[in-house]
N, C-alpha and C. Protein backbone atom coordinates (compact mmCIF):
# COMPACT_ATOMS: atom_id res chain seq x y z
N MET A 1 -0.07 -2.02 50.94
CA MET A 1 0.73 -2.58 50.03
C MET A 1 0.27 -2.74 48.73
N PHE A 2 -0.54 -3.57 48.36
CA PHE A 2 -0.87 -3.64 46.96
C PHE A 2 -2.45 -3.13 46.63
N ASN A 3 -2.31 -2.18 45.86
CA ASN A 3 -3.59 -1.37 45.60
C ASN A 3 -4.28 -1.95 44.42
N SER A 4 -5.33 -2.73 44.36
CA SER A 4 -5.75 -3.41 43.36
C SER A 4 -6.45 -2.40 42.29
N ARG A 5 -6.79 -1.26 42.79
CA ARG A 5 -7.38 -0.05 41.78
C ARG A 5 -6.34 0.51 41.07
N SER A 6 -5.06 0.37 41.24
CA SER A 6 -4.01 0.77 40.31
C SER A 6 -3.83 0.18 39.17
N ASN A 7 -4.55 -1.14 38.84
CA ASN A 7 -4.41 -1.88 37.70
C ASN A 7 -5.38 -1.34 36.76
N TYR A 8 -6.44 -0.54 37.16
CA TYR A 8 -7.50 -0.15 36.23
C TYR A 8 -7.08 1.36 35.68
N ARG A 9 -7.27 1.35 34.34
CA ARG A 9 -6.93 2.62 33.66
C ARG A 9 -8.36 3.46 33.53
N THR A 10 -7.92 4.61 33.58
CA THR A 10 -9.10 5.54 33.52
C THR A 10 -9.22 5.86 32.05
N VAL A 11 -10.47 5.60 31.61
CA VAL A 11 -10.91 5.78 30.34
C VAL A 11 -11.37 7.33 30.07
N VAL A 12 -10.67 8.15 29.13
CA VAL A 12 -11.20 9.46 28.99
C VAL A 12 -11.80 9.53 27.65
N ARG A 13 -12.93 10.18 27.73
CA ARG A 13 -13.80 10.11 26.42
C ARG A 13 -13.09 11.47 25.67
N ILE A 14 -12.91 11.10 24.30
CA ILE A 14 -12.58 12.19 23.43
C ILE A 14 -13.57 12.91 22.82
N ASP A 15 -13.52 14.22 22.75
CA ASP A 15 -14.47 14.96 22.12
C ASP A 15 -14.30 14.93 20.44
N ILE A 16 -15.23 14.10 20.06
CA ILE A 16 -15.23 13.96 18.76
C ILE A 16 -16.05 14.82 17.70
N LYS A 17 -16.93 15.65 18.47
CA LYS A 17 -17.77 16.58 17.84
C LYS A 17 -17.00 17.58 17.22
N ASP A 18 -17.21 17.79 16.09
CA ASP A 18 -16.60 19.04 15.27
C ASP A 18 -17.44 20.39 15.42
N LYS A 19 -16.72 21.36 15.64
CA LYS A 19 -17.57 22.43 15.81
C LYS A 19 -18.20 22.90 14.46
N ASP A 20 -17.68 22.77 13.55
CA ASP A 20 -18.32 23.18 12.37
C ASP A 20 -18.08 22.02 11.11
N PRO A 21 -18.98 20.94 10.82
CA PRO A 21 -18.59 20.08 9.92
C PRO A 21 -18.44 20.25 8.48
N PHE A 22 -18.92 21.67 8.19
CA PHE A 22 -18.92 22.00 6.84
C PHE A 22 -17.97 22.98 6.59
N VAL A 23 -16.84 22.96 7.35
CA VAL A 23 -15.62 24.04 7.26
C VAL A 23 -14.85 23.80 6.20
N ASN A 24 -14.51 22.47 5.81
CA ASN A 24 -13.72 22.25 4.66
C ASN A 24 -14.45 21.65 3.26
N THR A 25 -15.59 22.25 3.17
CA THR A 25 -16.33 21.69 1.90
C THR A 25 -15.94 22.50 0.60
N ASP A 26 -15.35 23.64 0.67
CA ASP A 26 -14.85 24.45 -0.30
C ASP A 26 -13.35 24.14 -0.66
N ALA A 27 -12.82 23.50 0.11
CA ALA A 27 -11.25 23.32 -0.04
C ALA A 27 -11.01 22.46 -1.17
N GLU A 28 -9.75 22.73 -2.01
CA GLU A 28 -9.48 22.08 -3.21
C GLU A 28 -8.77 20.68 -2.73
N PRO A 29 -8.76 19.71 -3.67
CA PRO A 29 -7.85 18.53 -3.24
C PRO A 29 -6.50 18.78 -3.04
N LYS A 30 -5.65 18.13 -2.26
CA LYS A 30 -4.24 18.37 -1.90
C LYS A 30 -3.49 18.04 -3.31
N ASP A 31 -4.01 17.11 -3.88
CA ASP A 31 -3.13 16.63 -5.15
C ASP A 31 -4.12 16.77 -6.37
N ASN A 32 -4.11 17.96 -7.08
CA ASN A 32 -4.99 18.04 -8.06
C ASN A 32 -4.16 17.63 -9.39
N ILE A 33 -4.46 16.48 -9.82
CA ILE A 33 -3.69 15.86 -11.11
C ILE A 33 -4.72 15.68 -12.09
N SER A 34 -4.37 15.70 -13.48
CA SER A 34 -5.06 15.18 -14.52
C SER A 34 -5.40 13.98 -14.73
N THR A 35 -6.37 13.63 -15.57
CA THR A 35 -6.63 12.19 -15.86
C THR A 35 -5.63 11.32 -16.25
N TRP A 36 -4.80 11.93 -17.25
CA TRP A 36 -3.66 11.18 -17.59
C TRP A 36 -2.60 10.93 -16.46
N GLY A 37 -2.53 11.90 -15.75
CA GLY A 37 -1.61 11.81 -14.58
C GLY A 37 -2.12 10.61 -13.62
N PHE A 38 -3.35 10.67 -13.33
CA PHE A 38 -3.89 9.49 -12.55
C PHE A 38 -3.62 8.21 -13.21
N ILE A 39 -4.00 8.06 -14.59
CA ILE A 39 -3.78 6.86 -15.10
C ILE A 39 -2.30 6.47 -15.01
N PHE A 40 -1.23 7.27 -15.26
CA PHE A 40 0.05 7.03 -15.26
C PHE A 40 0.50 6.51 -14.00
N ARG A 41 0.04 7.24 -12.84
CA ARG A 41 0.31 6.94 -11.66
C ARG A 41 -0.06 5.36 -11.19
N ALA A 42 -1.46 5.11 -11.66
CA ALA A 42 -1.90 3.86 -11.38
C ALA A 42 -1.17 2.77 -12.06
N GLY A 43 -0.78 3.26 -13.36
CA GLY A 43 -0.11 2.03 -14.11
C GLY A 43 1.34 1.96 -13.56
N MET A 44 1.97 2.77 -13.15
CA MET A 44 3.23 2.75 -12.64
C MET A 44 3.12 1.95 -11.24
N ARG A 45 2.02 2.16 -10.44
CA ARG A 45 1.92 1.53 -9.17
C ARG A 45 1.85 0.11 -9.44
N TYR A 46 0.93 -0.37 -10.33
CA TYR A 46 0.73 -1.69 -10.62
C TYR A 46 1.90 -2.48 -11.38
N LEU A 47 2.54 -1.61 -12.06
CA LEU A 47 3.77 -2.31 -12.82
C LEU A 47 4.77 -2.54 -11.89
N LYS A 48 4.97 -1.80 -10.79
CA LYS A 48 5.96 -2.04 -9.83
C LYS A 48 5.45 -3.35 -8.98
N ILE A 49 4.06 -3.46 -8.69
CA ILE A 49 3.72 -4.61 -7.89
C ILE A 49 4.01 -5.89 -8.85
N PHE A 50 3.57 -5.85 -10.09
CA PHE A 50 3.81 -6.91 -11.06
C PHE A 50 5.30 -7.28 -11.16
N ILE A 51 6.18 -6.41 -11.17
CA ILE A 51 7.56 -6.75 -11.26
C ILE A 51 8.07 -7.34 -9.95
N ILE A 52 7.70 -6.77 -8.84
CA ILE A 52 7.99 -7.46 -7.65
C ILE A 52 7.71 -9.01 -7.55
N PHE A 53 6.33 -9.29 -7.83
CA PHE A 53 5.76 -10.51 -7.72
C PHE A 53 6.37 -11.56 -8.74
N TYR A 54 6.49 -10.87 -10.14
CA TYR A 54 7.24 -11.82 -10.99
C TYR A 54 8.56 -12.02 -10.62
N ALA A 55 9.30 -11.33 -9.93
CA ALA A 55 10.71 -11.41 -9.54
C ALA A 55 10.67 -12.59 -8.45
N ILE A 56 9.67 -12.61 -7.49
CA ILE A 56 9.69 -13.67 -6.57
C ILE A 56 9.24 -15.06 -7.27
N ALA A 57 8.15 -14.85 -8.18
CA ALA A 57 7.79 -16.19 -8.78
C ALA A 57 9.02 -16.67 -9.54
N ALA A 58 9.63 -15.99 -10.34
CA ALA A 58 10.82 -16.33 -11.20
C ALA A 58 11.94 -16.93 -10.37
N SER A 59 12.23 -16.22 -9.17
CA SER A 59 13.24 -16.80 -8.47
C SER A 59 12.93 -18.23 -7.85
N ILE A 60 11.68 -18.46 -7.37
CA ILE A 60 11.23 -19.74 -6.89
C ILE A 60 11.23 -20.82 -8.21
N TYR A 61 10.77 -20.40 -9.26
CA TYR A 61 10.82 -21.18 -10.49
C TYR A 61 12.27 -21.54 -10.94
N TYR A 62 13.11 -20.57 -10.79
CA TYR A 62 14.55 -20.90 -11.18
C TYR A 62 15.22 -21.87 -10.17
N TYR A 63 14.70 -21.72 -8.94
CA TYR A 63 15.28 -22.67 -7.91
C TYR A 63 14.80 -24.08 -8.05
N VAL A 64 13.50 -24.20 -8.46
CA VAL A 64 12.90 -25.46 -8.63
C VAL A 64 13.37 -26.11 -9.94
N PHE A 65 13.36 -25.45 -11.20
CA PHE A 65 13.59 -25.90 -12.33
C PHE A 65 14.89 -25.66 -13.03
N GLY A 66 15.65 -24.87 -12.36
CA GLY A 66 17.09 -24.55 -13.00
C GLY A 66 17.13 -23.66 -14.26
N THR A 67 15.99 -23.13 -14.55
CA THR A 67 16.04 -21.95 -15.61
C THR A 67 14.95 -21.06 -15.49
N LEU A 68 15.06 -20.08 -16.02
CA LEU A 68 13.94 -18.99 -15.82
C LEU A 68 12.81 -19.36 -16.82
N PRO A 69 11.65 -18.80 -16.38
CA PRO A 69 10.41 -19.22 -17.36
C PRO A 69 10.41 -18.33 -18.72
N GLY A 70 10.53 -18.93 -19.75
CA GLY A 70 10.52 -18.37 -21.07
C GLY A 70 11.85 -18.26 -21.72
N ILE A 71 12.94 -18.62 -20.92
CA ILE A 71 14.30 -18.52 -21.35
C ILE A 71 14.53 -19.72 -22.37
N GLU A 72 13.88 -20.92 -22.37
CA GLU A 72 14.11 -21.82 -23.39
C GLU A 72 13.77 -21.72 -24.75
N ASN A 73 12.77 -20.57 -24.90
CA ASN A 73 12.39 -20.21 -26.27
C ASN A 73 13.31 -19.09 -26.80
N ILE A 74 14.32 -18.52 -26.17
CA ILE A 74 15.18 -17.59 -26.72
C ILE A 74 16.40 -18.19 -27.25
N PRO A 75 16.57 -18.14 -28.66
CA PRO A 75 17.82 -18.90 -29.14
C PRO A 75 19.13 -18.36 -28.67
N GLY A 76 20.04 -19.11 -28.23
CA GLY A 76 21.51 -18.64 -27.95
C GLY A 76 21.65 -18.46 -26.42
N LEU A 77 20.57 -18.73 -25.52
CA LEU A 77 20.61 -18.64 -24.11
C LEU A 77 20.40 -20.02 -23.56
């Protein structure tokens, strides 16, 4: 009826040994960009993160205080 051995899973060892570990040493990077390209990408990445977190914080601030932070310093608003 009930076979208690069916609950056990057989563990199979994965062969993790690479045949030639130095086969890809001469390969070029997949994305070969310049220094300015790297700086631009990093800047855009952190700018997006800053905008998202600022939007979250500003919406909480607006909900609590009824105005956006810094708006009271702008004349006419």
